[in-house]
Amino acid sequence: MKNIEIEDDLYKYILANIEAFGETPSQILRRLLSLPDAFENTVASVTPTLKSIPSDQKVELVKPDIIDGAQISLPASLAHGVKILFESKVFKQETIVTHKFMMMLTAMYHENKDAFVAAAQKTKGRTRDYLGQNLKVLLATENKEELTLLKASKPRDIPYTPFWVITNANTARKRIIMTQMMSTMGYPQDLIERIKEEI
């Protein structure tokens, strides 16, 4: 993996061409340049000719995050909160409930990190935590049967955050998790009620 520097207009162009949640800059460029998924040749430099960004597709740049020591740029729709996310094209076109669930959690984290951390500590089931910053802690149990159940909940890392969340839950449970999180974080009731429409 190589790090490169690009001009702001090229960076905006890449962000403007995000088609799926979690799509990396490399994946976007591979798609735009019609390159195969696995690129095994080492290329010292590639200078593609890219068209300029149409004025109606300009994307606001957001402050990059550091994840695992790497600088990652957060898609603009995820950085401006849940209300903006609900209106974004990427969110509206997403058909997989788990992906929408993760998008909402990412947006909430970046809208108010301190409130998210506090809400994550309070959002729990009867016998387990739904979210955690450490996978080992989230799966912590000495009971082997319980560990099997915890692993079956398929915890996944929430993109652009230090948190993990269980994902192998039905849609109703995901709505409960979102409702608890948003209520604890202080979101307005009308926005909380939209959860039923959105996921």
C-alpha atoms as a PDB file:
ATOM      1  CA  MET A   1       0.000   0.000   0.000  1.00  0.00           C
ATOM      2  CA  LYS A   2       1.387   3.391  -1.035  1.00  0.00           C
ATOM      3  CA  ASN A   3       0.457   6.835   0.277  1.00  0.00           C
ATOM      4  CA  ILE A   4       0.081   9.595  -2.301  1.00  0.00           C
ATOM      5  CA  GLU A   5      -0.743  13.293  -2.181  1.00  0.00           C
ATOM      6  CA  ILE A   6      -3.452  14.614  -4.475  1.00  0.00           C
ATOM      7  CA  GLU A   7      -4.878  18.059  -5.145  1.00  0.00           C
ATOM      8  CA  ASP A   8      -8.117  19.138  -3.463  1.00  0.00           C
ATOM      9  CA  ASP A   9     -10.159  19.004  -6.687  1.00  0.00           C
ATOM     10  CA  LEU A  10      -9.183  15.349  -7.270  1.00  0.00           C
ATOM     11  CA  TYR A  11     -10.026  14.504  -3.671  1.00  0.00           C
ATOM     12  CA  LYS A  12     -13.449  16.149  -4.084  1.00  0.00           C
ATOM     13  CA  TYR A  13     -13.968  14.209  -7.306  1.00  0.00           C
ATOM     14  CA  ILE A  14     -13.271  10.907  -5.538  1.00  0.00           C
ATOM     15  CA  LEU A  15     -15.685  11.787  -2.698  1.00  0.00           C
ATOM     16  CA  ALA A  16     -18.351  12.846  -5.190  1.00  0.00           C
ATOM     17  CA  ASN A  17     -18.220   9.361  -6.729  1.00  0.00           C
ATOM     18  CA  ILE A  18     -18.928   7.322  -3.591  1.00  0.00           C
ATOM     19  CA  GLU A  19     -21.611   4.792  -4.508  1.00  0.00           C
ATOM     20  CA  ALA A  20     -21.731   2.580  -1.425  1.00  0.00           C
ATOM     21  CA  PHE A  21     -21.245   3.012   2.300  1.00  0.00           C
ATOM     22  CA  GLY A  22     -17.714   2.113   3.338  1.00  0.00           C
ATOM     23  CA  GLU A  23     -16.328   2.302  -0.204  1.00  0.00           C
ATOM     24  CA  THR A  24     -12.618   3.128   0.008  1.00  0.00           C
ATOM     25  CA  PRO A  25     -10.805   5.623  -2.243  1.00  0.00           C
ATOM     26  CA  SER A  26      -8.979   2.683  -3.877  1.00  0.00           C
ATOM     27  CA  GLN A  27     -12.276   0.940  -4.650  1.00  0.00           C
ATOM     28  CA  ILE A  28     -13.723   4.148  -6.103  1.00  0.00           C
ATOM     29  CA  LEU A  29     -10.674   4.699  -8.314  1.00  0.00           C
ATOM     30  CA  ARG A  30     -10.673   1.059  -9.473  1.00  0.00           C
ATOM     31  CA  ARG A  31     -14.314   1.398 -10.491  1.00  0.00           C
ATOM     32  CA  LEU A  32     -13.803   4.760 -12.230  1.00  0.00           C
ATOM     33  CA  LEU A  33     -10.707   3.532 -14.060  1.00  0.00           C
ATOM     34  CA  SER A  34     -12.257   0.129 -14.878  1.00  0.00           C
ATOM     35  CA  LEU A  35      -9.433  -1.708 -13.116  1.00  0.00           C
ATOM     36  CA  PRO A  36      -9.866  -5.283 -11.849  1.00  0.00           C
ATOM     37  CA  ASP A  37     -10.559  -5.868  -8.141  1.00  0.00           C
ATOM     38  CA  ALA A  38      -7.162  -7.467  -7.532  1.00  0.00           C
ATOM     39  CA  PHE A  39      -4.302  -5.356  -8.867  1.00  0.00           C
ATOM     40  CA  GLU A  40      -1.047  -7.244  -8.407  1.00  0.00           C
ATOM     41  CA  ASN A  41       1.370  -5.167 -10.449  1.00  0.00           C
ATOM     42  CA  THR A  42       3.364  -2.495  -8.681  1.00  0.00           C
ATOM     43  CA  VAL A  43       2.835   0.837 -10.337  1.00  0.00           C
ATOM     44  CA  ALA A  44       5.215   3.646  -9.530  1.00  0.00           C
ATOM     45  CA  SER A  45       2.840   6.376 -10.687  1.00  0.00           C
ATOM     46  CA  VAL A  46      -0.435   6.620 -12.507  1.00  0.00           C
ATOM     47  CA  THR A  47      -1.720   9.905 -13.809  1.00  0.00           C
ATOM     48  CA  PRO A  48      -5.293   9.359 -15.017  1.00  0.00           C
ATOM     49  CA  THR A  49      -7.170  12.107 -16.794  1.00  0.00           C
ATOM     50  CA  LEU A  50     -10.249  12.884 -14.727  1.00  0.00           C
ATOM     51  CA  LYS A  51     -13.007  15.285 -15.754  1.00  0.00           C
ATOM     52  CA  SER A  52     -13.610  18.300 -13.533  1.00  0.00           C
ATOM     53  CA  ILE A  53     -16.328  18.127 -10.905  1.00  0.00           C
ATOM     54  CA  PRO A  54     -19.703  19.377 -12.141  1.00  0.00           C
ATOM     55  CA  SER A  55     -20.878  22.300 -10.007  1.00  0.00           C
ATOM     56  CA  ASP A  56     -23.953  20.366  -8.834  1.00  0.00           C
ATOM     57  CA  GLN A  57     -21.777  17.530  -7.486  1.00  0.00           C
ATOM     58  CA  LYS A  58     -19.410  19.507  -5.267  1.00  0.00           C
ATOM     59  CA  VAL A  59     -18.748  17.741  -1.984  1.00  0.00           C
ATOM     60  CA  GLU A  60     -17.870  19.461   1.261  1.00  0.00           C
ATOM     61  CA  LEU A  61     -14.585  18.256   2.683  1.00  0.00           C
ATOM     62  CA  VAL A  62     -14.608  17.007   6.246  1.00  0.00           C
ATOM     63  CA  LYS A  63     -11.886  16.732   8.832  1.00  0.00           C
ATOM     64  CA  PRO A  64     -10.046  13.418   8.454  1.00  0.00           C
ATOM     65  CA  ASP A  65     -10.083  10.838  11.246  1.00  0.00           C
ATOM     66  CA  ILE A  66      -7.244   8.626  12.393  1.00  0.00           C
ATOM     67  CA  ILE A  67      -8.117   4.935  12.468  1.00  0.00           C
ATOM     68  CA  ASP A  68      -5.491   2.358  13.350  1.00  0.00           C
ATOM     69  CA  GLY A  69      -2.806   4.954  12.705  1.00  0.00           C
ATOM     70  CA  ALA A  70      -4.096   5.674   9.185  1.00  0.00           C
ATOM     71  CA  GLN A  71      -5.689   8.933   8.140  1.00  0.00           C
ATOM     72  CA  ILE A  72      -9.185   8.204   6.821  1.00  0.00           C
ATOM     73  CA  SER A  73     -11.557  10.782   5.362  1.00  0.00           C
ATOM     74  CA  LEU A  74     -15.168  10.499   6.437  1.00  0.00           C
ATOM     75  CA  PRO A  75     -17.832  10.872   3.703  1.00  0.00           C
ATOM     76  CA  ALA A  76     -19.530  14.254   4.132  1.00  0.00           C
ATOM     77  CA  SER A  77     -23.037  12.819   4.615  1.00  0.00           C
ATOM     78  CA  LEU A  78     -21.792  10.819   7.611  1.00  0.00           C
ATOM     79  CA  ALA A  79     -20.096  13.768   9.242  1.00  0.00           C
ATOM     80  CA  HIS A  80     -23.071  16.079   9.522  1.00  0.00           C
ATOM     81  CA  GLY A  81     -25.453  14.002  11.573  1.00  0.00           C
ATOM     82  CA  VAL A  82     -28.431  11.736  11.264  1.00  0.00           C
ATOM     83  CA  LYS A  83     -30.865  14.287   9.808  1.00  0.00           C
ATOM     84  CA  ILE A  84     -28.517  15.016   6.882  1.00  0.00           C
ATOM     85  CA  LEU A  85     -27.786  11.300   6.504  1.00  0.00           C
ATOM     86  CA  PHE A  86     -31.499  10.488   6.128  1.00  0.00           C
ATOM     87  CA  GLU A  87     -31.640  12.835   3.134  1.00  0.00           C
ATOM     88  CA  SER A  88     -28.433  11.615   1.473  1.00  0.00           C
ATOM     89  CA  LYS A  89     -28.591   9.719  -1.811  1.00  0.00           C
ATOM     90  CA  VAL A  90     -26.264   6.945  -0.598  1.00  0.00           C
ATOM     91  CA  PHE A  91     -28.451   6.271   2.461  1.00  0.00           C
ATOM     92  CA  LYS A  92     -31.719   6.343   0.496  1.00  0.00           C
ATOM     93  CA  GLN A  93     -30.379   3.912  -2.109  1.00  0.00           C
ATOM     94  CA  GLU A  94     -28.959   1.456   0.445  1.00  0.00           C
ATOM     95  CA  THR A  95     -31.173  -1.640   0.680  1.00  0.00           C
ATOM     96  CA  ILE A  96     -29.330  -3.615   3.370  1.00  0.00           C
ATOM     97  CA  VAL A  97     -30.666  -2.793   6.849  1.00  0.00           C
ATOM     98  CA  THR A  98     -27.348  -3.582   8.564  1.00  0.00           C
ATOM     99  CA  HIS A  99     -25.526  -1.087   6.330  1.00  0.00           C
ATOM    100  CA  LYS A 100     -28.080   1.636   7.126  1.00  0.00           C
ATOM    101  CA  PHE A 101     -27.785   0.760  10.829  1.00  0.00           C
ATOM    102  CA  MET A 102     -23.995   1.185  10.654  1.00  0.00           C
ATOM    103  CA  MET A 103     -24.293   4.441   8.701  1.00  0.00           C
ATOM    104  CA  MET A 104     -26.568   5.883  11.372  1.00  0.00           C
ATOM    105  CA  LEU A 105     -24.207   4.860  14.172  1.00  0.00           C
ATOM    106  CA  THR A 106     -21.258   6.431  12.330  1.00  0.00           C
ATOM    107  CA  ALA A 107     -23.188   9.668  11.773  1.00  0.00           C
ATOM    108  CA  MET A 108     -24.276   9.794  15.422  1.00  0.00           C
ATOM    109  CA  TYR A 109     -20.716   9.225  16.654  1.00  0.00           C
ATOM    110  CA  HIS A 110     -19.351  12.093  14.572  1.00  0.00           C
ATOM    111  CA  GLU A 111     -22.251  14.397  15.397  1.00  0.00           C
ATOM    112  CA  ASN A 112     -21.541  14.159  19.143  1.00  0.00           C
ATOM    113  CA  LYS A 113     -18.697  11.845  20.197  1.00  0.00           C
ATOM    114  CA  ASP A 114     -18.999  12.439  23.953  1.00  0.00           C
ATOM    115  CA  ALA A 115     -22.755  11.810  23.983  1.00  0.00           C
ATOM    116  CA  PHE A 116     -22.259   8.700  21.829  1.00  0.00           C
ATOM    117  CA  VAL A 117     -19.710   7.247  24.274  1.00  0.00           C
ATOM    118  CA  ALA A 118     -22.062   7.872  27.212  1.00  0.00           C
ATOM    119  CA  ALA A 119     -25.068   6.415  25.355  1.00  0.00           C
ATOM    120  CA  ALA A 120     -23.107   3.314  24.268  1.00  0.00           C
ATOM    121  CA  GLN A 121     -22.374   2.533  27.923  1.00  0.00           C
ATOM    122  CA  LYS A 122     -26.109   2.687  28.753  1.00  0.00           C
ATOM    123  CA  THR A 123     -27.452   0.849  25.673  1.00  0.00           C
ATOM    124  CA  LYS A 124     -27.634  -2.750  26.819  1.00  0.00           C
ATOM    125  CA  GLY A 125     -29.774  -5.810  26.563  1.00  0.00           C
ATOM    126  CA  ARG A 126     -30.956  -7.830  29.531  1.00  0.00           C
ATOM    127  CA  THR A 127     -27.736  -9.828  29.717  1.00  0.00           C
ATOM    128  CA  ARG A 128     -25.258  -8.182  27.339  1.00  0.00           C
ATOM    129  CA  ASP A 129     -23.833  -4.978  25.929  1.00  0.00           C
ATOM    130  CA  TYR A 130     -24.793  -4.053  22.373  1.00  0.00           C
ATOM    131  CA  LEU A 131     -21.836  -1.735  21.751  1.00  0.00           C
ATOM    132  CA  GLY A 132     -18.267  -1.555  22.981  1.00  0.00           C
ATOM    133  CA  GLN A 133     -14.870  -0.066  22.198  1.00  0.00           C
ATOM    134  CA  ASN A 134     -13.092  -3.360  22.693  1.00  0.00           C
ATOM    135  CA  LEU A 135     -14.142  -6.577  20.957  1.00  0.00           C
ATOM    136  CA  LYS A 136     -12.601  -8.732  23.693  1.00  0.00           C
ATOM    137  CA  VAL A 137     -14.610  -6.910  26.359  1.00  0.00           C
ATOM    138  CA  LEU A 138     -17.775  -7.170  24.239  1.00  0.00           C
ATOM    139  CA  LEU A 139     -17.255 -10.948  24.014  1.00  0.00           C
ATOM    140  CA  ALA A 140     -16.043 -11.348  27.602  1.00  0.00           C
ATOM    141  CA  THR A 141     -17.557 -14.364  29.349  1.00  0.00           C
ATOM    142  CA  GLU A 142     -16.270 -17.514  30.988  1.00  0.00           C
ATOM    143  CA  ASN A 143     -19.313 -19.505  29.914  1.00  0.00           C
ATOM    144  CA  LYS A 144     -18.540 -21.334  26.629  1.00  0.00           C
ATOM    145  CA  GLU A 145     -22.196 -21.542  25.585  1.00  0.00           C
ATOM    146  CA  GLU A 146     -22.653 -17.839  26.198  1.00  0.00           C
ATOM    147  CA  LEU A 147     -19.455 -17.092  24.239  1.00  0.00           C
ATOM    148  CA  THR A 148     -20.862 -19.044  21.287  1.00  0.00           C
ATOM    149  CA  LEU A 149     -24.026 -16.927  21.437  1.00  0.00           C
ATOM    150  CA  LEU A 150     -22.019 -13.712  21.696  1.00  0.00           C
ATOM    151  CA  LYS A 151     -19.936 -14.660  18.653  1.00  0.00           C
ATOM    152  CA  ALA A 152     -23.131 -15.533  16.786  1.00  0.00           C
ATOM    153  CA  SER A 153     -24.253 -11.928  17.328  1.00  0.00           C
ATOM    154  CA  LYS A 154     -21.535 -11.051  14.755  1.00  0.00           C
ATOM    155  CA  PRO A 155     -20.024  -7.932  16.292  1.00  0.00           C
ATOM    156  CA  ARG A 156     -18.585  -5.636  13.622  1.00  0.00           C
ATOM    157  CA  ASP A 157     -16.588  -2.460  13.892  1.00  0.00           C
ATOM    158  CA  ILE A 158     -18.587   0.690  13.216  1.00  0.00           C
ATOM    159  CA  PRO A 159     -16.819   2.452  10.324  1.00  0.00           C
ATOM    160  CA  TYR A 160     -14.822   5.591  11.169  1.00  0.00           C
ATOM    161  CA  THR A 161     -15.256   5.005  14.919  1.00  0.00           C
ATOM    162  CA  PRO A 162     -13.444   3.048  17.659  1.00  0.00           C
ATOM    163  CA  PHE A 163     -16.669   1.121  18.456  1.00  0.00           C
ATOM    164  CA  TRP A 164     -18.022  -2.355  17.767  1.00  0.00           C
ATOM    165  CA  VAL A 165     -21.725  -3.276  17.620  1.00  0.00           C
ATOM    166  CA  ILE A 166     -23.653  -6.526  17.366  1.00  0.00           C
ATOM    167  CA  THR A 167     -25.111  -6.944  13.865  1.00  0.00           C
ATOM    168  CA  ASN A 168     -26.785 -10.360  13.855  1.00  0.00           C
ATOM    169  CA  ALA A 169     -29.996  -8.995  15.328  1.00  0.00           C
ATOM    170  CA  ASN A 170     -33.351  -8.667  13.639  1.00  0.00           C
ATOM    171  CA  THR A 171     -34.566  -5.294  12.376  1.00  0.00           C
ATOM    172  CA  ALA A 172     -36.736  -4.767  15.464  1.00  0.00           C
ATOM    173  CA  ARG A 173     -33.697  -5.187  17.750  1.00  0.00           C
ATOM    174  CA  LYS A 174     -31.651  -2.786  15.587  1.00  0.00           C
ATOM    175  CA  ARG A 175     -34.468  -0.242  15.949  1.00  0.00           C
ATOM    176  CA  ILE A 176     -34.433  -0.734  19.733  1.00  0.00           C
ATOM    177  CA  ILE A 177     -30.668  -0.142  19.824  1.00  0.00           C
ATOM    178  CA  MET A 178     -31.032   3.006  17.695  1.00  0.00           C
ATOM    179  CA  THR A 179     -33.941   4.290  19.788  1.00  0.00           C
ATOM    180  CA  GLN A 180     -32.009   3.775  23.045  1.00  0.00           C
ATOM    181  CA  MET A 181     -28.909   5.441  21.628  1.00  0.00           C
ATOM    182  CA  MET A 182     -30.732   8.426  20.135  1.00  0.00           C
ATOM    183  CA  SER A 183     -32.916   8.948  23.250  1.00  0.00           C
ATOM    184  CA  THR A 184     -29.893   8.877  25.544  1.00  0.00           C
ATOM    185  CA  MET A 185     -27.993  11.234  23.239  1.00  0.00           C
ATOM    186  CA  GLY A 186     -30.876  13.724  23.364  1.00  0.00           C
ATOM    187  CA  TYR A 187     -32.112  13.611  19.767  1.00  0.00           C
ATOM    188  CA  PRO A 188     -35.556  15.178  19.193  1.00  0.00           C
ATOM    189  CA  GLN A 189     -38.528  12.785  19.267  1.00  0.00           C
ATOM    190  CA  ASP A 190     -39.508  13.432  15.626  1.00  0.00           C
ATOM    191  CA  LEU A 191     -36.064  12.290  14.476  1.00  0.00           C
ATOM    192  CA  ILE A 192     -36.179   9.199  16.730  1.00  0.00           C
ATOM    193  CA  GLU A 193     -39.577   8.265  15.288  1.00  0.00           C
ATOM    194  CA  ARG A 194     -38.093   8.254  11.783  1.00  0.00           C
ATOM    195  CA  ILE A 195     -36.078   5.152  12.691  1.00  0.00           C
ATOM    196  CA  LYS A 196     -39.122   3.001  11.856  1.00  0.00           C
ATOM    197  CA  GLU A 197     -39.270   4.531   8.378  1.00  0.00           C
ATOM    198  CA  GLU A 198     -35.554   4.462   7.691  1.00  0.00           C
ATOM    199  CA  ILE A 199     -34.519   0.958   8.839  1.00  0.00           C
END
